[in-house]
Amino acid sequence: MWFAVHAKDHPDSLAKRMAARPEHLARLHALQAEGRLLLAGPFPAIASEDPGPAGFTGSLIIAEFASQADAEAWAGADPYVAAGVYAEVEVKPFRKTLP
């Protein structure tokens, strides 16, 4: 089943985010290679593709996992969690309808 991982960043965590980004992206690329990633991306703090020092307010990842527990375990092991980027992570089942 698909699961939505919605994470909210700690304020002023841009430097931590950038430092942990290569490891974070590697995990996403692994999901993509397995055909289990629907989409992933950050929420810019301002309406811009490159928000610069304004940074980001969080992330959204929609990926396939065997269970809620598996999705939560995967999300909890994210390098952004370990680096202190994410203040809160919520995992919910997701049903893709369109397109």
PDB file of N, CA and C in Angstrom:
ATOM      1  N   MET A   1       0.838  -1.177   0.000  1.00  0.00           N
ATOM      2  CA  MET A   1       0.000   0.000   0.000  1.00  0.00           C
ATOM      3  C   MET A   1       0.883   1.240   0.000  1.00  0.00           C
ATOM      4  N   TRP A   2       0.334   2.313  -0.538  1.00  0.00           N
ATOM      5  CA  TRP A   2       1.028   3.595  -0.507  1.00  0.00           C
ATOM      6  C   TRP A   2       0.875   4.234   0.868  1.00  0.00           C
ATOM      7  N   PHE A   3       1.907   4.949   1.290  1.00  0.00           N
ATOM      8  CA  PHE A   3       1.871   5.710   2.536  1.00  0.00           C
ATOM      9  C   PHE A   3       2.453   7.092   2.275  1.00  0.00           C
ATOM     10  N   ALA A   4       1.827   8.103   2.885  1.00  0.00           N
ATOM     11  CA  ALA A   4       2.315   9.478   2.804  1.00  0.00           C
ATOM     12  C   ALA A   4       3.109   9.768   4.070  1.00  0.00           C
ATOM     13  N   VAL A   5       4.334  10.200   3.876  1.00  0.00           N
ATOM     14  CA  VAL A   5       5.195  10.619   4.980  1.00  0.00           C
ATOM     15  C   VAL A   5       5.242  12.139   4.919  1.00  0.00           C
ATOM     16  N   HIS A   6       4.638  12.785   5.903  1.00  0.00           N
ATOM     17  CA  HIS A   6       4.609  14.246   5.961  1.00  0.00           C
ATOM     18  C   HIS A   6       5.471  14.672   7.145  1.00  0.00           C
ATOM     19  N   ALA A   7       6.538  15.385   6.851  1.00  0.00           N
ATOM     20  CA  ALA A   7       7.463  15.801   7.898  1.00  0.00           C
ATOM     21  C   ALA A   7       7.519  17.324   7.969  1.00  0.00           C
ATOM     22  N   LYS A   8       7.609  17.830   9.188  1.00  0.00           N
ATOM     23  CA  LYS A   8       7.747  19.265   9.410  1.00  0.00           C
ATOM     24  C   LYS A   8       9.133  19.539   9.970  1.00  0.00           C
ATOM     25  N   ASP A   9       9.792  20.542   9.399  1.00  0.00           N
ATOM     26  CA  ASP A   9      11.143  20.900   9.829  1.00  0.00           C
ATOM     27  C   ASP A   9      11.140  21.725  11.110  1.00  0.00           C
ATOM     28  N   HIS A  10      12.229  21.579  11.867  1.00  0.00           N
ATOM     29  CA  HIS A  10      12.507  22.520  12.941  1.00  0.00           C
ATOM     30  C   HIS A  10      12.814  23.876  12.294  1.00  0.00           C
ATOM     31  N   PRO A  11      12.500  24.977  12.954  1.00  0.00           N
ATOM     32  CA  PRO A  11      12.914  26.278  12.421  1.00  0.00           C
ATOM     33  C   PRO A  11      14.437  26.349  12.294  1.00  0.00           C
ATOM     34  N   ASP A  12      14.899  27.067  11.316  1.00  0.00           N
ATOM     35  CA  ASP A  12      16.335  27.312  11.118  1.00  0.00           C
ATOM     36  C   ASP A  12      17.152  26.023  10.992  1.00  0.00           C
ATOM     37  N   SER A  13      16.608  25.045  10.288  1.00  0.00           N
ATOM     38  CA  SER A  13      17.315  23.760  10.139  1.00  0.00           C
ATOM     39  C   SER A  13      17.937  23.585   8.753  1.00  0.00           C
ATOM     40  N   LEU A  14      18.018  24.659   7.972  1.00  0.00           N
ATOM     41  CA  LEU A  14      18.516  24.543   6.602  1.00  0.00           C
ATOM     42  C   LEU A  14      19.928  23.967   6.534  1.00  0.00           C
ATOM     43  N   ALA A  15      20.837  24.402   7.376  1.00  0.00           N
ATOM     44  CA  ALA A  15      22.216  23.891   7.338  1.00  0.00           C
ATOM     45  C   ALA A  15      22.238  22.397   7.643  1.00  0.00           C
ATOM     46  N   LYS A  16      21.453  21.957   8.600  1.00  0.00           N
ATOM     47  CA  LYS A  16      21.376  20.529   8.921  1.00  0.00           C
ATOM     48  C   LYS A  16      20.772  19.755   7.749  1.00  0.00           C
ATOM     49  N   ARG A  17      19.760  20.333   7.126  1.00  0.00           N
ATOM     50  CA  ARG A  17      19.112  19.696   5.976  1.00  0.00           C
ATOM     51  C   ARG A  17      20.121  19.488   4.848  1.00  0.00           C
ATOM     52  N   MET A  18      20.878  20.520   4.545  1.00  0.00           N
ATOM     53  CA  MET A  18      21.830  20.427   3.440  1.00  0.00           C
ATOM     54  C   MET A  18      22.940  19.417   3.746  1.00  0.00           C
ATOM     55  N   ALA A  19      23.375  19.338   4.998  1.00  0.00           N
ATOM     56  CA  ALA A  19      24.429  18.395   5.375  1.00  0.00           C
ATOM     57  C   ALA A  19      23.951  16.950   5.257  1.00  0.00           C
ATOM     58  N   ALA A  20      22.700  16.682   5.592  1.00  0.00           N
ATOM     59  CA  ALA A  20      22.168  15.315   5.562  1.00  0.00           C
ATOM     60  C   ALA A  20      21.529  14.950   4.229  1.00  0.00           C
ATOM     61  N   ARG A  21      21.436  15.897   3.324  1.00  0.00           N
ATOM     62  CA  ARG A  21      20.722  15.686   2.059  1.00  0.00           C
ATOM     63  C   ARG A  21      21.241  14.512   1.221  1.00  0.00           C
ATOM     64  N   PRO A  22      22.558  14.334   1.051  1.00  0.00           N
ATOM     65  CA  PRO A  22      23.015  13.210   0.220  1.00  0.00           C
ATOM     66  C   PRO A  22      22.516  11.853   0.728  1.00  0.00           C
ATOM     67  N   GLU A  23      22.558  11.626   2.041  1.00  0.00           N
ATOM     68  CA  GLU A  23      22.072  10.363   2.606  1.00  0.00           C
ATOM     69  C   GLU A  23      20.558  10.239   2.456  1.00  0.00           C
ATOM     70  N   HIS A  24      19.855  11.345   2.670  1.00  0.00           N
ATOM     71  CA  HIS A  24      18.395  11.366   2.524  1.00  0.00           C
ATOM     72  C   HIS A  24      18.012  10.999   1.092  1.00  0.00           C
ATOM     73  N   LEU A  25      18.671  11.623   0.117  1.00  0.00           N
ATOM     74  CA  LEU A  25      18.364  11.342  -1.291  1.00  0.00           C
ATOM     75  C   LEU A  25      18.726   9.918  -1.684  1.00  0.00           C
ATOM     76  N   ALA A  26      19.788   9.379  -1.127  1.00  0.00           N
ATOM     77  CA  ALA A  26      20.178   7.998  -1.442  1.00  0.00           C
ATOM     78  C   ALA A  26      19.071   7.017  -1.075  1.00  0.00           C
ATOM     79  N   ARG A  27      18.429   7.236   0.064  1.00  0.00           N
ATOM     80  CA  ARG A  27      17.316   6.362   0.475  1.00  0.00           C
ATOM     81  C   ARG A  27      16.133   6.495  -0.484  1.00  0.00           C
ATOM     82  N   LEU A  28      15.874   7.723  -0.936  1.00  0.00           N
ATOM     83  CA  LEU A  28      14.779   7.933  -1.884  1.00  0.00           C
ATOM     84  C   LEU A  28      15.096   7.294  -3.234  1.00  0.00           C
ATOM     85  N   HIS A  29      16.337   7.418  -3.674  1.00  0.00           N
ATOM     86  CA  HIS A  29      16.738   6.781  -4.938  1.00  0.00           C
ATOM     87  C   HIS A  29      16.608   5.259  -4.846  1.00  0.00           C
ATOM     88  N   ALA A  30      16.888   4.688  -3.688  1.00  0.00           N
ATOM     89  CA  ALA A  30      16.730   3.240  -3.504  1.00  0.00           C
ATOM     90  C   ALA A  30      15.263   2.840  -3.636  1.00  0.00           C
ATOM     91  N   LEU A  31      14.364   3.609  -3.033  1.00  0.00           N
ATOM     92  CA  LEU A  31      12.927   3.329  -3.199  1.00  0.00           C
ATOM     93  C   LEU A  31      12.519   3.449  -4.660  1.00  0.00           C
ATOM     94  N   GLN A  32      13.038   4.466  -5.327  1.00  0.00           N
ATOM     95  CA  GLN A  32      12.707   4.667  -6.739  1.00  0.00           C
ATOM     96  C   GLN A  32      13.197   3.493  -7.586  1.00  0.00           C
ATOM     97  N   ALA A  33      14.397   3.023  -7.332  1.00  0.00           N
ATOM     98  CA  ALA A  33      14.956   1.892  -8.084  1.00  0.00           C
ATOM     99  C   ALA A  33      14.127   0.630  -7.877  1.00  0.00           C
ATOM    100  N   GLU A  34      13.496   0.512  -6.713  1.00  0.00           N
ATOM    101  CA  GLU A  34      12.638  -0.643  -6.420  1.00  0.00           C
ATOM    102  C   GLU A  34      11.220  -0.460  -6.948  1.00  0.00           C
ATOM    103  N   GLY A  35      10.933   0.690  -7.570  1.00  0.00           N
ATOM    104  CA  GLY A  35       9.602   0.969  -8.087  1.00  0.00           C
ATOM    105  C   GLY A  35       8.586   1.282  -7.001  1.00  0.00           C
ATOM    106  N   ARG A  36       9.051   1.742  -5.836  1.00  0.00           N
ATOM    107  CA  ARG A  36       8.174   1.972  -4.688  1.00  0.00           C
ATOM    108  C   ARG A  36       7.985   3.445  -4.339  1.00  0.00           C
ATOM    109  N   LEU A  37       8.516   4.352  -5.150  1.00  0.00           N
ATOM    110  CA  LEU A  37       8.402   5.777  -4.871  1.00  0.00           C
ATOM    111  C   LEU A  37       7.438   6.420  -5.854  1.00  0.00           C
ATOM    112  N   LEU A  38       6.378   7.021  -5.337  1.00  0.00           N
ATOM    113  CA  LEU A  38       5.419   7.735  -6.177  1.00  0.00           C
ATOM    114  C   LEU A  38       5.871   9.172  -6.385  1.00  0.00           C
ATOM    115  N   LEU A  39       6.254   9.844  -5.290  1.00  0.00           N
ATOM    116  CA  LEU A  39       6.772  11.207  -5.384  1.00  0.00           C
ATOM    117  C   LEU A  39       7.465  11.580  -4.082  1.00  0.00           C
ATOM    118  N   ALA A  40       8.315  12.579  -4.174  1.00  0.00           N
ATOM    119  CA  ALA A  40       9.013  13.073  -2.994  1.00  0.00           C
ATOM    120  C   ALA A  40       9.480  14.490  -3.263  1.00  0.00           C
ATOM    121  N   GLY A  41       9.426  15.317  -2.232  1.00  0.00           N
ATOM    122  CA  GLY A  41       9.938  16.672  -2.379  1.00  0.00           C
ATOM    123  C   GLY A  41       9.731  17.494  -1.133  1.00  0.00           C
ATOM    124  N   PRO A  42      10.447  18.626  -1.062  1.00  0.00           N
ATOM    125  CA  PRO A  42      10.339  19.508   0.095  1.00  0.00           C
ATOM    126  C   PRO A  42       9.276  20.587  -0.114  1.00  0.00           C
ATOM    127  N   PHE A  43       8.896  21.219   0.994  1.00  0.00           N
ATOM    128  CA  PHE A  43       8.003  22.373   0.969  1.00  0.00           C
ATOM    129  C   PHE A  43       8.866  23.626   1.140  1.00  0.00           C
ATOM    130  N   PRO A  44       9.063  24.414   0.065  1.00  0.00           N
ATOM    131  CA  PRO A  44       9.823  25.656   0.224  1.00  0.00           C
ATOM    132  C   PRO A  44       9.096  26.609   1.180  1.00  0.00           C
ATOM    133  N   ALA A  45       9.862  27.352   1.954  1.00  0.00           N
ATOM    134  CA  ALA A  45       9.285  28.301   2.910  1.00  0.00           C
ATOM    135  C   ALA A  45       8.646  29.496   2.208  1.00  0.00           C
ATOM    136  N   ILE A  46       9.060  29.742   0.978  1.00  0.00           N
ATOM    137  CA  ILE A  46       8.477  30.809   0.162  1.00  0.00           C
ATOM    138  C   ILE A  46       8.146  30.230  -1.206  1.00  0.00           C
ATOM    139  N   ALA A  47       7.343  30.915  -1.974  1.00  0.00           N
ATOM    140  CA  ALA A  47       6.922  30.433  -3.291  1.00  0.00           C
ATOM    141  C   ALA A  47       8.052  30.614  -4.303  1.00  0.00           C
ATOM    142  N   SER A  48       9.000  29.700  -4.249  1.00  0.00           N
ATOM    143  CA  SER A  48      10.162  29.753  -5.130  1.00  0.00           C
ATOM    144  C   SER A  48      10.750  28.360  -5.275  1.00  0.00           C
ATOM    145  N   GLU A  49      11.214  28.030  -6.474  1.00  0.00           N
ATOM    146  CA  GLU A  49      11.893  26.746  -6.687  1.00  0.00           C
ATOM    147  C   GLU A  49      13.145  26.659  -5.826  1.00  0.00           C
ATOM    148  N   ASP A  50      13.840  27.780  -5.681  1.00  0.00           N
ATOM    149  CA  ASP A  50      15.035  27.858  -4.834  1.00  0.00           C
ATOM    150  C   ASP A  50      14.793  28.925  -3.776  1.00  0.00           C
ATOM    151  N   PRO A  51      14.354  28.530  -2.592  1.00  0.00           N
ATOM    152  CA  PRO A  51      14.019  29.515  -1.570  1.00  0.00           C
ATOM    153  C   PRO A  51      15.220  30.158  -0.887  1.00  0.00           C
ATOM    154  N   GLY A  52      16.425  29.745  -1.273  1.00  0.00           N
ATOM    155  CA  GLY A  52      17.625  30.337  -0.690  1.00  0.00           C
ATOM    156  C   GLY A  52      17.637  30.211   0.824  1.00  0.00           C
ATOM    157  N   PRO A  53      18.040  31.262   1.526  1.00  0.00           N
ATOM    158  CA  PRO A  53      18.154  31.177   2.989  1.00  0.00           C
ATOM    159  C   PRO A  53      16.812  31.018   3.709  1.00  0.00           C
ATOM    160  N   ALA A  54      15.690  31.250   3.004  1.00  0.00           N
ATOM    161  CA  ALA A  54      14.375  31.023   3.630  1.00  0.00           C
ATOM    162  C   ALA A  54      14.194  29.546   3.955  1.00  0.00           C
ATOM    163  N   GLY A  55      14.842  28.692   3.169  1.00  0.00           N
ATOM    164  CA  GLY A  55      14.835  27.256   3.429  1.00  0.00           C
ATOM    165  C   GLY A  55      13.513  26.568   3.156  1.00  0.00           C
ATOM    166  N   PHE A  56      13.244  25.547   3.934  1.00  0.00           N
ATOM    167  CA  PHE A  56      12.097  24.672   3.727  1.00  0.00           C
ATOM    168  C   PHE A  56      11.350  24.479   5.046  1.00  0.00           C
ATOM    169  N   THR A  57      10.084  24.117   4.931  1.00  0.00           N
ATOM    170  CA  THR A  57       9.274  23.904   6.126  1.00  0.00           C
ATOM    171  C   THR A  57       8.991  22.432   6.383  1.00  0.00           C
ATOM    172  N   GLY A  58       9.380  21.569   5.457  1.00  0.00           N
ATOM    173  CA  GLY A  58       9.141  20.142   5.628  1.00  0.00           C
ATOM    174  C   GLY A  58       9.254  19.404   4.310  1.00  0.00           C
ATOM    175  N   SER A  59       8.752  18.176   4.315  1.00  0.00           N
ATOM    176  CA  SER A  59       8.842  17.313   3.146  1.00  0.00           C
ATOM    177  C   SER A  59       7.604  16.441   3.032  1.00  0.00           C
ATOM    178  N   LEU A  60       7.358  15.968   1.803  1.00  0.00           N
ATOM    179  CA  LEU A  60       6.310  14.990   1.547  1.00  0.00           C
ATOM    180  C   LEU A  60       6.911  13.866   0.724  1.00  0.00           C
ATOM    181  N   ILE A  61       6.706  12.644   1.185  1.00  0.00           N
ATOM    182  CA  ILE A  61       7.161  11.454   0.464  1.00  0.00           C
ATOM    183  C   ILE A  61       5.966  10.514   0.383  1.00  0.00           C
ATOM    184  N   ILE A  62       5.678  10.027  -0.801  1.00  0.00           N
ATOM    185  CA  ILE A  62       4.641   9.009  -0.960  1.00  0.00           C
ATOM    186  C   ILE A  62       5.315   7.786  -1.559  1.00  0.00           C
ATOM    187  N   ALA A  63       5.310   6.714  -0.778  1.00  0.00           N
ATOM    188  CA  ALA A  63       6.024   5.499  -1.176  1.00  0.00           C
ATOM    189  C   ALA A  63       5.235   4.269  -0.744  1.00  0.00           C
ATOM    190  N   GLU A  64       5.582   3.156  -1.342  1.00  0.00           N
ATOM    191  CA  GLU A  64       4.890   1.897  -1.075  1.00  0.00           C
ATOM    192  C   GLU A  64       5.632   1.095  -0.010  1.00  0.00           C
ATOM    193  N   PHE A  65       4.873   0.635   0.982  1.00  0.00           N
ATOM    194  CA  PHE A  65       5.410  -0.214   2.032  1.00  0.00           C
ATOM    195  C   PHE A  65       4.434  -1.344   2.297  1.00  0.00           C
ATOM    196  N   ALA A  66       4.904  -2.421   2.874  1.00  0.00           N
ATOM    197  CA  ALA A  66       4.061  -3.580   3.158  1.00  0.00           C
ATOM    198  C   ALA A  66       3.064  -3.303   4.271  1.00  0.00           C
ATOM    199  N   SER A  67       3.412  -2.385   5.190  1.00  0.00           N
ATOM    200  CA  SER A  67       2.535  -2.124   6.329  1.00  0.00           C
ATOM    201  C   SER A  67       2.797  -0.730   6.884  1.00  0.00           C
ATOM    202  N   GLN A  68       1.892  -0.282   7.722  1.00  0.00           N
ATOM    203  CA  GLN A  68       2.053   0.998   8.432  1.00  0.00           C
ATOM    204  C   GLN A  68       3.331   0.962   9.273  1.00  0.00           C
ATOM    205  N   ALA A  69       3.555  -0.155   9.947  1.00  0.00           N
ATOM    206  CA  ALA A  69       4.753  -0.282  10.788  1.00  0.00           C
ATOM    207  C   ALA A  69       6.025  -0.163   9.960  1.00  0.00           C
ATOM    208  N   ASP A  70       6.046  -0.769   8.773  1.00  0.00           N
ATOM    209  CA  ASP A  70       7.217  -0.667   7.906  1.00  0.00           C
ATOM    210  C   ASP A  70       7.440   0.771   7.449  1.00  0.00           C
ATOM    211  N   ALA A  71       6.350   1.454   7.095  1.00  0.00           N
ATOM    212  CA  ALA A  71       6.451   2.848   6.658  1.00  0.00           C
ATOM    213  C   ALA A  71       6.965   3.732   7.791  1.00  0.00           C
ATOM    214  N   GLU A  72       6.442   3.509   8.991  1.00  0.00           N
ATOM    215  CA  GLU A  72       6.878   4.302  10.143  1.00  0.00           C
ATOM    216  C   GLU A  72       8.339   4.033  10.490  1.00  0.00           C
ATOM    217  N   ALA A  73       8.761   2.787  10.398  1.00  0.00           N
ATOM    218  CA  ALA A  73      10.155   2.446  10.677  1.00  0.00           C
ATOM    219  C   ALA A  73      11.080   3.100   9.656  1.00  0.00           C
ATOM    220  N   TRP A  74      10.689   3.052   8.384  1.00  0.00           N
ATOM    221  CA  TRP A  74      11.496   3.671   7.326  1.00  0.00           C
ATOM    222  C   TRP A  74      11.596   5.179   7.569  1.00  0.00           C
ATOM    223  N   ALA A  75      10.465   5.819   7.855  1.00  0.00           N
ATOM    224  CA  ALA A  75      10.452   7.262   8.074  1.00  0.00           C
ATOM    225  C   ALA A  75      11.288   7.640   9.305  1.00  0.00           C
ATOM    226  N   GLY A  76      11.207   6.838  10.345  1.00  0.00           N
ATOM    227  CA  GLY A  76      11.952   7.120  11.563  1.00  0.00           C
ATOM    228  C   GLY A  76      13.447   6.992  11.406  1.00  0.00           C
ATOM    229  N   ALA A  77      13.878   6.236  10.401  1.00  0.00           N
ATOM    230  CA  ALA A  77      15.310   6.034  10.157  1.00  0.00           C
ATOM    231  C   ALA A  77      15.883   7.036   9.152  1.00  0.00           C
ATOM    232  N   ASP A  78      15.086   8.017   8.754  1.00  0.00           N
ATOM    233  CA  ASP A  78      15.554   9.007   7.777  1.00  0.00           C
ATOM    234  C   ASP A  78      16.718   9.819   8.352  1.00  0.00           C
ATOM    235  N   PRO A  79      17.735  10.081   7.552  1.00  0.00           N
ATOM    236  CA  PRO A  79      18.853  10.907   8.017  1.00  0.00           C
ATOM    237  C   PRO A  79      18.430  12.298   8.497  1.00  0.00           C
ATOM    238  N   TYR A  80      17.333  12.829   7.971  1.00  0.00           N
ATOM    239  CA  TYR A  80      16.855  14.121   8.443  1.00  0.00           C
ATOM    240  C   TYR A  80      16.350  14.029   9.882  1.00  0.00           C
ATOM    241  N   VAL A  81      15.835  12.892  10.276  1.00  0.00           N
ATOM    242  CA  VAL A  81      15.424  12.695  11.668  1.00  0.00           C
ATOM    243  C   VAL A  81      16.666  12.695  12.560  1.00  0.00           C
ATOM    244  N   ALA A  82      17.659  11.896  12.181  1.00  0.00           N
ATOM    245  CA  ALA A  82      18.891  11.785  12.971  1.00  0.00           C
ATOM    246  C   ALA A  82      19.630  13.119  13.064  1.00  0.00           C
ATOM    247  N   ALA A  83      19.567  13.921  12.001  1.00  0.00           N
ATOM    248  CA  ALA A  83      20.283  15.197  11.972  1.00  0.00           C
ATOM    249  C   ALA A  83      19.531  16.316  12.685  1.00  0.00           C
ATOM    250  N   GLY A  84      18.300  16.060  13.098  1.00  0.00           N
ATOM    251  CA  GLY A  84      17.525  17.092  13.775  1.00  0.00           C
ATOM    252  C   GLY A  84      16.853  18.076  12.842  1.00  0.00           C
ATOM    253  N   VAL A  85      16.657  17.679  11.573  1.00  0.00           N
ATOM    254  CA  VAL A  85      15.953  18.535  10.615  1.00  0.00           C
ATOM    255  C   VAL A  85      14.457  18.479  10.893  1.00  0.00           C
ATOM    256  N   TYR A  86      13.938  17.273  11.022  1.00  0.00           N
ATOM    257  CA  TYR A  86      12.503  17.098  11.211  1.00  0.00           C
ATOM    258  C   TYR A  86      12.113  17.235  12.679  1.00  0.00           C
ATOM    259  N   ALA A  87      11.123  18.078  12.931  1.00  0.00           N
ATOM    260  CA  ALA A  87      10.563  18.234  14.268  1.00  0.00           C
ATOM    261  C   ALA A  87       9.435  17.245  14.489  1.00  0.00           C
ATOM    262  N   GLU A  88       8.775  16.875  13.401  1.00  0.00           N
ATOM    263  CA  GLU A  88       7.597  16.008  13.487  1.00  0.00           C
ATOM    264  C   GLU A  88       7.476  15.213  12.195  1.00  0.00           C
ATOM    265  N   VAL A  89       7.136  13.929  12.317  1.00  0.00           N
ATOM    266  CA  VAL A  89       6.927  13.073  11.150  1.00  0.00           C
ATOM    267  C   VAL A  89       5.615  12.330  11.348  1.00  0.00           C
ATOM    268  N   GLU A  90       4.751  12.440  10.355  1.00  0.00           N
ATOM    269  CA  GLU A  90       3.461  11.767  10.390  1.00  0.00           C
ATOM    270  C   GLU A  90       3.380  10.830   9.185  1.00  0.00           C
ATOM    271  N   VAL A  91       2.923   9.604   9.421  1.00  0.00           N
ATOM    272  CA  VAL A  91       2.794   8.615   8.353  1.00  0.00           C
ATOM    273  C   VAL A  91       1.330   8.189   8.288  1.00  0.00           C
ATOM    274  N   LYS A  92       0.755   8.314   7.083  1.00  0.00           N
ATOM    275  CA  LYS A  92      -0.645   7.954   6.880  1.00  0.00           C
ATOM    276  C   LYS A  92      -0.788   7.095   5.630  1.00  0.00           C
ATOM    277  N   PRO A  93      -1.725   6.136   5.642  1.00  0.00           N
ATOM    278  CA  PRO A  93      -2.022   5.409   4.412  1.00  0.00           C
ATOM    279  C   PRO A  93      -2.518   6.385   3.350  1.00  0.00           C
ATOM    280  N   PHE A  94      -2.201   6.085   2.105  1.00  0.00           N
ATOM    281  CA  PHE A  94      -2.565   6.966   0.988  1.00  0.00           C
ATOM    282  C   PHE A  94      -3.126   6.124  -0.139  1.00  0.00           C
ATOM    283  N   ARG A  95      -4.251   6.554  -0.671  1.00  0.00           N
ATOM    284  CA  ARG A  95      -4.840   5.859  -1.813  1.00  0.00           C
ATOM    285  C   ARG A  95      -4.744   6.761  -3.030  1.00  0.00           C
ATOM    286  N   LYS A  96      -3.942   6.356  -3.996  1.00  0.00           N
ATOM    287  CA  LYS A  96      -3.791   7.128  -5.234  1.00  0.00           C
ATOM    288  C   LYS A  96      -5.051   6.943  -6.069  1.00  0.00           C
ATOM    289  N   THR A  97      -5.637   8.066  -6.469  1.00  0.00           N
ATOM    290  CA  THR A  97      -6.823   8.024  -7.297  1.00  0.00           C
ATOM    291  C   THR A  97      -6.547   8.581  -8.691  1.00  0.00           C
ATOM    292  N   LEU A  98      -5.903   9.732  -8.782  1.00  0.00           N
ATOM    293  CA  LEU A  98      -5.600  10.354 -10.065  1.00  0.00           C
ATOM    294  C   LEU A  98      -4.152  10.794 -10.094  1.00  0.00           C
ATOM    295  N   PRO A  99      -3.515  10.935 -11.180  1.00  0.00           N
ATOM    296  CA  PRO A  99      -3.973  10.476 -12.482  1.00  0.00           C
ATOM    297  C   PRO A  99      -3.897   8.980 -12.596  1.00  0.00           C
TER     298      PRO A  99
END
